[in-house]
Amino acid sequence: MIKILFICHGNICRSTMAQSVMQHLVDCRGLSSDFRIDSAATSREEIGNPVHPGTVRKLKKEHIPVIPHRAVQMKPSDYDEYDYLIGMDSANIRNMKRIVGGDSAGKIFLLLDFAQGQGDIADPWYTGNFEDTYRDVRQGCEGLMEFLLREEGGANDE
């Protein structure tokens, strides 16, 4: 089983969007039993809050099921629990490494590392632009899916 944790600052916009998009991509390929996909925050600001209404609206517009989720904070044990810890921007990466104590096994990535346009995914909490965030998240998730199918053969047996 391939275990992926998407991480952003508050766990209500970008990481939950990536979680839902990636789960949709996996489900469409009939690979649901080969993956565990979740999301978390680097901060405590939104703990317990649901998916942001802008994320919900955009995902529904794209006909992508919204995974029911309440914001949780990333914890040090997530590094051992997940195969891939995927941050949305460079500040997330810095905070993720602080939370887990580094990246000795090379499990931490920026989502757009898997897409054509590398860099940070803008936080729609601040920009209000869920369209651009969705475009970048979708590109990143599609690239991640292709990477996993190529590198992992769809899933690994653990």
N, C-alpha and C. Protein backbone atom coordinates (compact mmCIF):
# COMPACT_ATOMS: atom_id res chain seq x y z
N MET A 1 0.84 -1.19 0.00
CA MET A 1 0.00 0.00 0.00
C MET A 1 0.88 1.24 0.00
N ILE A 2 0.51 2.21 -0.84
CA ILE A 2 1.21 3.49 -0.91
C ILE A 2 0.46 4.48 -0.02
N LYS A 3 1.19 5.08 0.93
CA LYS A 3 0.57 5.99 1.89
C LYS A 3 1.08 7.41 1.65
N ILE A 4 0.13 8.31 1.36
CA ILE A 4 0.45 9.69 1.02
C ILE A 4 -0.22 10.64 2.00
N LEU A 5 0.55 11.61 2.49
CA LEU A 5 0.01 12.65 3.35
C LEU A 5 0.27 13.99 2.69
N PHE A 6 -0.81 14.71 2.34
CA PHE A 6 -0.70 16.06 1.78
C PHE A 6 -0.75 17.06 2.93
N ILE A 7 0.13 18.06 2.87
CA ILE A 7 0.25 19.00 3.97
C ILE A 7 0.26 20.44 3.47
N CYS A 8 -0.51 21.30 4.16
CA CYS A 8 -0.45 22.74 3.92
C CYS A 8 -0.49 23.44 5.28
N HIS A 9 -0.65 24.73 5.28
CA HIS A 9 -0.59 25.48 6.53
C HIS A 9 -1.74 25.14 7.48
N GLY A 10 -2.98 25.20 6.98
CA GLY A 10 -4.13 25.04 7.86
C GLY A 10 -4.93 23.77 7.69
N ASN A 11 -4.72 23.03 6.58
CA ASN A 11 -5.41 21.77 6.30
C ASN A 11 -6.91 21.97 6.06
N ILE A 12 -7.26 23.11 5.44
CA ILE A 12 -8.66 23.30 5.05
C ILE A 12 -8.81 23.66 3.57
N CYS A 13 -7.74 24.09 2.91
CA CYS A 13 -7.84 24.49 1.50
C CYS A 13 -7.03 23.57 0.57
N ARG A 14 -5.72 23.80 0.51
CA ARG A 14 -4.89 23.12 -0.49
C ARG A 14 -4.69 21.64 -0.21
N SER A 15 -4.35 21.28 1.01
CA SER A 15 -4.07 19.86 1.29
C SER A 15 -5.33 19.01 1.20
N THR A 16 -6.47 19.57 1.62
CA THR A 16 -7.73 18.82 1.49
C THR A 16 -8.15 18.72 0.03
N MET A 17 -7.86 19.76 -0.75
CA MET A 17 -8.14 19.71 -2.18
C MET A 17 -7.28 18.62 -2.82
N ALA A 18 -5.99 18.60 -2.49
CA ALA A 18 -5.10 17.57 -3.04
C ALA A 18 -5.53 16.18 -2.61
N GLN A 19 -5.95 16.03 -1.37
CA GLN A 19 -6.42 14.73 -0.88
C GLN A 19 -7.61 14.24 -1.72
N SER A 20 -8.58 15.11 -1.95
CA SER A 20 -9.77 14.73 -2.71
C SER A 20 -9.43 14.47 -4.18
N VAL A 21 -8.60 15.32 -4.77
CA VAL A 21 -8.22 15.13 -6.18
C VAL A 21 -7.45 13.83 -6.35
N MET A 22 -6.48 13.58 -5.48
CA MET A 22 -5.67 12.36 -5.61
C MET A 22 -6.53 11.12 -5.38
N GLN A 23 -7.43 11.17 -4.41
CA GLN A 23 -8.32 10.02 -4.17
C GLN A 23 -9.19 9.77 -5.41
N HIS A 24 -9.65 10.82 -6.03
CA HIS A 24 -10.46 10.70 -7.25
C HIS A 24 -9.64 10.05 -8.37
N LEU A 25 -8.40 10.48 -8.56
CA LEU A 25 -7.54 9.90 -9.59
C LEU A 25 -7.30 8.41 -9.33
N VAL A 26 -7.07 8.07 -8.08
CA VAL A 26 -6.84 6.68 -7.68
C VAL A 26 -8.11 5.85 -7.90
N ASP A 27 -9.26 6.39 -7.47
CA ASP A 27 -10.53 5.67 -7.63
C ASP A 27 -10.85 5.43 -9.10
N CYS A 28 -10.61 6.43 -9.95
CA CYS A 28 -10.90 6.29 -11.38
C CYS A 28 -10.05 5.21 -12.04
N ARG A 29 -8.91 4.90 -11.46
CA ARG A 29 -8.04 3.84 -11.99
C ARG A 29 -8.30 2.50 -11.31
N GLY A 30 -9.25 2.46 -10.40
CA GLY A 30 -9.56 1.22 -9.71
C GLY A 30 -8.47 0.79 -8.74
N LEU A 31 -7.73 1.74 -8.19
CA LEU A 31 -6.59 1.42 -7.33
C LEU A 31 -6.82 1.79 -5.86
N SER A 32 -8.07 1.99 -5.47
CA SER A 32 -8.38 2.47 -4.11
C SER A 32 -7.75 1.62 -3.02
N SER A 33 -7.74 0.31 -3.20
CA SER A 33 -7.21 -0.57 -2.16
C SER A 33 -5.68 -0.53 -2.08
N ASP A 34 -5.04 0.11 -3.06
CA ASP A 34 -3.58 0.20 -3.09
C ASP A 34 -3.04 1.48 -2.46
N PHE A 35 -3.95 2.38 -2.06
CA PHE A 35 -3.53 3.68 -1.56
C PHE A 35 -4.22 4.05 -0.26
N ARG A 36 -3.50 4.79 0.57
CA ARG A 36 -4.07 5.49 1.72
C ARG A 36 -3.67 6.94 1.56
N ILE A 37 -4.67 7.81 1.47
CA ILE A 37 -4.42 9.23 1.20
C ILE A 37 -5.08 10.05 2.30
N ASP A 38 -4.30 10.97 2.88
CA ASP A 38 -4.83 11.81 3.95
C ASP A 38 -4.19 13.19 3.84
N SER A 39 -4.53 14.07 4.77
CA SER A 39 -3.97 15.42 4.76
C SER A 39 -3.84 15.95 6.19
N ALA A 40 -2.98 16.95 6.34
CA ALA A 40 -2.72 17.53 7.65
C ALA A 40 -2.19 18.96 7.50
N ALA A 41 -2.08 19.64 8.63
CA ALA A 41 -1.60 21.02 8.69
C ALA A 41 -0.25 21.09 9.38
N THR A 42 0.50 22.14 9.06
CA THR A 42 1.71 22.40 9.84
C THR A 42 1.40 23.29 11.03
N SER A 43 0.27 23.99 10.99
CA SER A 43 -0.09 24.89 12.09
C SER A 43 -1.26 24.31 12.90
N ARG A 44 -1.61 25.01 13.96
CA ARG A 44 -2.75 24.59 14.79
C ARG A 44 -3.96 25.50 14.58
N GLU A 45 -3.84 26.47 13.71
CA GLU A 45 -4.85 27.52 13.56
C GLU A 45 -6.25 27.02 13.21
N GLU A 46 -6.35 26.00 12.40
CA GLU A 46 -7.66 25.54 11.90
C GLU A 46 -8.07 24.18 12.45
N ILE A 47 -7.34 23.64 13.42
CA ILE A 47 -7.60 22.29 13.94
C ILE A 47 -9.09 22.12 14.25
N GLY A 48 -9.67 21.06 13.71
CA GLY A 48 -11.07 20.75 13.92
C GLY A 48 -12.03 21.37 12.93
N ASN A 49 -11.55 22.31 12.13
CA ASN A 49 -12.43 22.96 11.16
C ASN A 49 -12.60 22.11 9.90
N PRO A 50 -13.76 22.25 9.24
CA PRO A 50 -14.02 21.47 8.03
C PRO A 50 -13.31 22.06 6.81
N VAL A 51 -13.43 21.36 5.69
CA VAL A 51 -12.87 21.81 4.42
C VAL A 51 -13.45 23.20 4.09
N HIS A 52 -12.59 24.09 3.62
CA HIS A 52 -12.99 25.46 3.29
C HIS A 52 -14.10 25.44 2.23
N PRO A 53 -15.12 26.29 2.39
CA PRO A 53 -16.23 26.33 1.42
C PRO A 53 -15.77 26.59 -0.02
N GLY A 54 -14.71 27.37 -0.22
CA GLY A 54 -14.20 27.62 -1.57
C GLY A 54 -13.63 26.35 -2.19
N THR A 55 -12.98 25.53 -1.39
CA THR A 55 -12.47 24.25 -1.87
C THR A 55 -13.63 23.32 -2.21
N VAL A 56 -14.63 23.28 -1.34
CA VAL A 56 -15.81 22.44 -1.58
C VAL A 56 -16.48 22.85 -2.88
N ARG A 57 -16.71 24.15 -3.08
CA ARG A 57 -17.37 24.63 -4.30
C ARG A 57 -16.58 24.25 -5.55
N LYS A 58 -15.26 24.45 -5.50
CA LYS A 58 -14.44 24.16 -6.69
C LYS A 58 -14.43 22.67 -7.00
N LEU A 59 -14.28 21.83 -5.98
CA LEU A 59 -14.28 20.39 -6.23
C LEU A 59 -15.63 19.93 -6.77
N LYS A 60 -16.73 20.44 -6.23
CA LYS A 60 -18.05 20.06 -6.74
C LYS A 60 -18.22 20.50 -8.18
N LYS A 61 -17.73 21.69 -8.52
CA LYS A 61 -17.80 22.18 -9.89
C LYS A 61 -17.05 21.25 -10.84
N GLU A 62 -15.97 20.65 -10.36
CA GLU A 62 -15.15 19.74 -11.16
C GLU A 62 -15.64 18.28 -11.07
N HIS A 63 -16.73 18.07 -10.35
CA HIS A 63 -17.32 16.72 -10.17
C HIS A 63 -16.35 15.77 -9.46
N ILE A 64 -15.65 16.31 -8.49
CA ILE A 64 -14.73 15.51 -7.67
C ILE A 64 -15.32 15.41 -6.28
N PRO A 65 -15.56 14.19 -5.79
CA PRO A 65 -16.12 14.03 -4.45
C PRO A 65 -15.21 14.66 -3.38
N VAL A 66 -15.82 15.40 -2.49
CA VAL A 66 -15.08 16.04 -1.40
C VAL A 66 -14.98 15.04 -0.25
N ILE A 67 -13.77 14.72 0.15
CA ILE A 67 -13.57 13.80 1.25
C ILE A 67 -13.91 14.54 2.55
N PRO A 68 -14.84 14.00 3.35
CA PRO A 68 -15.15 14.64 4.63
C PRO A 68 -13.88 14.69 5.50
N HIS A 69 -13.58 15.84 6.03
CA HIS A 69 -12.31 15.99 6.76
C HIS A 69 -12.42 17.14 7.74
N ARG A 70 -11.78 16.99 8.86
CA ARG A 70 -11.60 18.06 9.84
C ARG A 70 -10.10 18.25 9.98
N ALA A 71 -9.66 19.49 10.02
CA ALA A 71 -8.23 19.80 10.06
C ALA A 71 -7.54 19.15 11.25
N VAL A 72 -6.38 18.56 10.98
CA VAL A 72 -5.53 17.97 12.00
C VAL A 72 -4.11 18.49 11.80
N GLN A 73 -3.32 18.46 12.86
CA GLN A 73 -1.94 18.89 12.74
C GLN A 73 -1.04 17.69 12.48
N MET A 74 -0.07 17.91 11.60
CA MET A 74 0.95 16.89 11.33
C MET A 74 1.69 16.60 12.63
N LYS A 75 2.08 15.33 12.80
CA LYS A 75 2.83 14.94 13.99
C LYS A 75 4.10 14.20 13.59
N PRO A 76 5.08 14.15 14.46
CA PRO A 76 6.35 13.50 14.13
C PRO A 76 6.20 12.06 13.65
N SER A 77 5.26 11.32 14.19
CA SER A 77 5.09 9.91 13.80
C SER A 77 4.59 9.76 12.36
N ASP A 78 4.07 10.83 11.76
CA ASP A 78 3.62 10.75 10.36
C ASP A 78 4.78 10.40 9.43
N TYR A 79 5.98 10.78 9.80
CA TYR A 79 7.14 10.49 8.92
C TYR A 79 7.33 8.99 8.76
N ASP A 80 7.15 8.24 9.82
CA ASP A 80 7.29 6.79 9.74
C ASP A 80 6.05 6.13 9.15
N GLU A 81 4.89 6.76 9.33
CA GLU A 81 3.62 6.17 8.91
C GLU A 81 3.37 6.29 7.41
N TYR A 82 3.86 7.36 6.78
CA TYR A 82 3.57 7.62 5.36
C TYR A 82 4.81 7.43 4.50
N ASP A 83 4.57 7.07 3.23
CA ASP A 83 5.65 6.89 2.25
C ASP A 83 6.03 8.21 1.60
N TYR A 84 5.04 9.07 1.41
CA TYR A 84 5.24 10.37 0.76
C TYR A 84 4.54 11.44 1.59
N LEU A 85 5.28 12.49 1.95
CA LEU A 85 4.73 13.64 2.64
C LEU A 85 4.87 14.82 1.68
N ILE A 86 3.73 15.31 1.19
CA ILE A 86 3.72 16.25 0.08
C ILE A 86 3.23 17.62 0.56
N GLY A 87 4.13 18.61 0.53
CA GLY A 87 3.79 19.97 0.93
C GLY A 87 3.36 20.82 -0.25
N MET A 88 2.61 21.87 0.03
CA MET A 88 2.09 22.74 -1.01
C MET A 88 3.00 23.92 -1.34
N ASP A 89 3.85 24.32 -0.39
CA ASP A 89 4.76 25.43 -0.66
C ASP A 89 6.04 25.26 0.17
N SER A 90 7.01 26.10 -0.12
CA SER A 90 8.32 25.98 0.54
C SER A 90 8.25 26.22 2.04
N ALA A 91 7.34 27.08 2.49
CA ALA A 91 7.17 27.28 3.93
C ALA A 91 6.63 26.01 4.58
N ASN A 92 5.72 25.31 3.90
CA ASN A 92 5.22 24.03 4.41
C ASN A 92 6.37 23.04 4.55
N ILE A 93 7.22 22.97 3.54
CA ILE A 93 8.34 22.03 3.56
C ILE A 93 9.25 22.31 4.75
N ARG A 94 9.58 23.56 4.95
CA ARG A 94 10.43 23.96 6.08
C ARG A 94 9.78 23.54 7.41
N ASN A 95 8.49 23.80 7.56
CA ASN A 95 7.78 23.44 8.80
C ASN A 95 7.62 21.93 8.94
N MET A 96 7.40 21.24 7.85
CA MET A 96 7.29 19.77 7.90
C MET A 96 8.59 19.16 8.42
N LYS A 97 9.70 19.63 7.89
CA LYS A 97 11.00 19.11 8.33
C LYS A 97 11.26 19.43 9.79
N ARG A 98 10.80 20.60 10.24
CA ARG A 98 10.95 20.95 11.66
C ARG A 98 10.12 20.01 12.52
N ILE A 99 8.89 19.72 12.11
CA ILE A 99 8.00 18.86 12.88
C ILE A 99 8.54 17.44 12.98
N VAL A 100 9.05 16.90 11.88
CA VAL A 100 9.48 15.50 11.88
C VAL A 100 10.98 15.33 12.12
N GLY A 101 11.72 16.43 12.21
CA GLY A 101 13.14 16.35 12.52
C GLY A 101 14.03 16.08 11.33
N GLY A 102 13.66 16.59 10.15
CA GLY A 102 14.47 16.41 8.95
C GLY A 102 13.79 15.52 7.94
N ASP A 103 14.59 15.03 6.99
CA ASP A 103 14.06 14.17 5.93
C ASP A 103 15.11 13.14 5.53
N SER A 104 15.52 12.34 6.50
CA SER A 104 16.60 11.38 6.28
C SER A 104 16.27 10.32 5.23
N ALA A 105 15.01 9.98 5.06
CA ALA A 105 14.62 8.94 4.10
C ALA A 105 14.15 9.53 2.76
N GLY A 106 14.19 10.84 2.60
CA GLY A 106 13.81 11.46 1.34
C GLY A 106 12.34 11.28 0.99
N LYS A 107 11.47 11.47 1.97
CA LYS A 107 10.02 11.29 1.77
C LYS A 107 9.27 12.60 1.56
N ILE A 108 9.92 13.74 1.77
CA ILE A 108 9.24 15.03 1.71
C ILE A 108 9.45 15.68 0.34
N PHE A 109 8.32 16.09 -0.27
CA PHE A 109 8.34 16.69 -1.60
C PHE A 109 7.38 17.88 -1.66
N LEU A 110 7.63 18.79 -2.58
CA LEU A 110 6.64 19.80 -2.97
C LEU A 110 5.73 19.14 -4.01
N LEU A 111 4.44 19.41 -3.94
CA LEU A 111 3.52 18.79 -4.90
C LEU A 111 3.89 19.12 -6.33
N LEU A 112 4.25 20.37 -6.59
CA LEU A 112 4.58 20.75 -7.96
C LEU A 112 5.93 20.21 -8.43
N ASP A 113 6.69 19.52 -7.57
CA ASP A 113 7.88 18.81 -8.03
C ASP A 113 7.49 17.73 -9.04
N PHE A 114 6.24 17.30 -9.00
CA PHE A 114 5.76 16.24 -9.88
C PHE A 114 5.07 16.78 -11.13
N ALA A 115 5.04 18.10 -11.31
CA ALA A 115 4.36 18.72 -12.44
C ALA A 115 5.36 19.50 -13.29
N GLN A 116 4.88 19.95 -14.42
CA GLN A 116 5.71 20.76 -15.33
C GLN A 116 6.16 22.06 -14.67
N GLY A 117 5.22 22.77 -14.04
CA GLY A 117 5.54 24.06 -13.45
C GLY A 117 5.90 23.92 -11.99
N GLN A 118 7.17 23.81 -11.70
CA GLN A 118 7.59 23.62 -10.32
C GLN A 118 7.44 24.91 -9.53
N GLY A 119 7.33 24.76 -8.21
CA GLY A 119 7.23 25.92 -7.33
C GLY A 119 6.14 25.74 -6.31
N ASP A 120 5.69 26.84 -5.75
CA ASP A 120 4.69 26.83 -4.70
C ASP A 120 3.28 26.92 -5.26
N ILE A 121 2.34 26.31 -4.55
CA ILE A 121 0.93 26.46 -4.86
C ILE A 121 0.40 27.56 -3.95
N ALA A 122 -0.16 28.60 -4.57
CA ALA A 122 -0.65 29.75 -3.80
C ALA A 122 -1.79 29.33 -2.88
N ASP A 123 -1.82 29.93 -1.71
CA ASP A 123 -2.84 29.62 -0.71
C ASP A 123 -4.10 30.44 -0.98
N PRO A 124 -5.21 29.78 -1.36
CA PRO A 124 -6.42 30.53 -1.68
C PRO A 124 -7.08 31.18 -0.46
N TRP A 125 -6.64 30.79 0.73
CA TRP A 125 -7.12 31.47 1.94
C TRP A 125 -6.77 32.95 1.86
N TYR A 126 -5.59 33.23 1.27
CA TYR A 126 -5.13 34.61 1.13
C TYR A 126 -5.49 35.21 -0.23
N THR A 127 -5.37 34.40 -1.30
CA THR A 127 -5.60 34.93 -2.65
C THR A 127 -7.07 34.95 -3.04
N GLY A 128 -7.87 34.04 -2.48
CA GLY A 128 -9.26 33.90 -2.88
C GLY A 128 -9.42 33.21 -4.22
N ASN A 129 -8.31 32.81 -4.83
CA ASN A 129 -8.32 32.24 -6.18
C ASN A 129 -8.27 30.71 -6.12
N PHE A 130 -9.42 30.08 -6.00
CA PHE A 130 -9.49 28.63 -5.93
C PHE A 130 -9.30 28.00 -7.31
N GLU A 131 -9.54 28.76 -8.37
CA GLU A 131 -9.35 28.26 -9.74
C GLU A 131 -7.87 27.94 -9.99
N ASP A 132 -6.99 28.91 -9.72
CA ASP A 132 -5.56 28.68 -9.94
C ASP A 132 -5.02 27.60 -9.01
N THR A 133 -5.49 27.61 -7.77
CA THR A 133 -5.05 26.59 -6.82
C THR A 133 -5.46 25.21 -7.32
N TYR A 134 -6.69 25.07 -7.79
CA TYR A 134 -7.15 23.78 -8.32
C TYR A 134 -6.30 23.35 -9.52
N ARG A 135 -6.04 24.28 -10.43
CA ARG A 135 -5.22 23.95 -11.62
C ARG A 135 -3.87 23.39 -11.19
N ASP A 136 -3.22 24.07 -10.25
CA ASP A 136 -1.90 23.62 -9.80
C ASP A 136 -1.98 22.30 -9.03
N VAL A 137 -2.97 22.17 -8.16
CA VAL A 137 -3.15 20.92 -7.41
C VAL A 137 -3.41 19.77 -8.37
N ARG A 138 -4.27 19.99 -9.35
CA ARG A 138 -4.60 18.93 -10.32
C ARG A 138 -3.34 18.51 -11.08
N GLN A 139 -2.58 19.48 -11.58
CA GLN A 139 -1.34 19.16 -12.30
C GLN A 139 -0.38 18.37 -11.41
N GLY A 140 -0.23 18.82 -10.18
CA GLY A 140 0.66 18.13 -9.25
C GLY A 140 0.20 16.71 -8.96
N CYS A 141 -1.09 16.52 -8.73
CA CYS A 141 -1.62 15.19 -8.43
C CYS A 141 -1.52 14.26 -9.64
N GLU A 142 -1.80 14.80 -10.82
CA GLU A 142 -1.65 13.97 -12.03
C GLU A 142 -0.20 13.56 -12.23
N GLY A 143 0.72 14.49 -11.99
CA GLY A 143 2.14 14.16 -12.10
C GLY A 143 2.57 13.16 -11.04
N LEU A 144 2.07 13.33 -9.84
CA LEU A 144 2.37 12.38 -8.77
C LEU A 144 1.84 11.00 -9.11
N MET A 145 0.63 10.94 -9.66
CA MET A 145 0.04 9.65 -10.03
C MET A 145 0.90 8.96 -11.08
N GLU A 146 1.32 9.69 -12.09
CA GLU A 146 2.18 9.11 -13.13
C GLU A 146 3.51 8.63 -12.54
N PHE A 147 4.08 9.43 -11.66
CA PHE A 147 5.33 9.05 -10.99
C PHE A 147 5.14 7.75 -10.22
N LEU A 148 4.06 7.66 -9.46
CA LEU A 148 3.82 6.46 -8.64
C LEU A 148 3.57 5.23 -9.50
N LEU A 149 2.84 5.39 -10.57
CA LEU A 149 2.59 4.25 -11.47
C LEU A 149 3.89 3.77 -12.09
N ARG A 150 4.77 4.71 -12.41
CA ARG A 150 6.06 4.37 -13.02
C ARG A 150 7.03 3.79 -11.98
N GLU A 151 7.14 4.46 -10.83
CA GLU A 151 8.13 4.07 -9.82
C GLU A 151 7.69 2.92 -8.92
N GLU A 152 6.43 2.90 -8.59
CA GLU A 152 5.93 1.92 -7.64
C GLU A 152 5.16 0.80 -8.33
N GLY A 153 4.89 0.95 -9.63
CA GLY A 153 4.10 -0.06 -10.32
C GLY A 153 2.65 -0.05 -9.87
N GLY A 154 2.16 1.09 -9.36
CA GLY A 154 0.79 1.19 -8.92
C GLY A 154 0.66 1.05 -7.42
N ALA A 155 1.42 0.14 -6.85
CA ALA A 155 1.38 -0.06 -5.39
C ALA A 155 2.55 -0.95 -5.01
N ASN A 156 2.89 -0.91 -3.76
CA ASN A 156 3.92 -1.82 -3.27
C ASN A 156 3.34 -2.70 -2.19
N ASP A 157 3.93 -3.83 -1.99
CA ASP A 157 3.42 -4.76 -0.98
C ASP A 157 4.23 -4.58 0.29
N GLU A 158 3.56 -4.11 1.33
CA GLU A 158 4.24 -3.97 2.62
C GLU A 158 3.58 -4.89 3.62
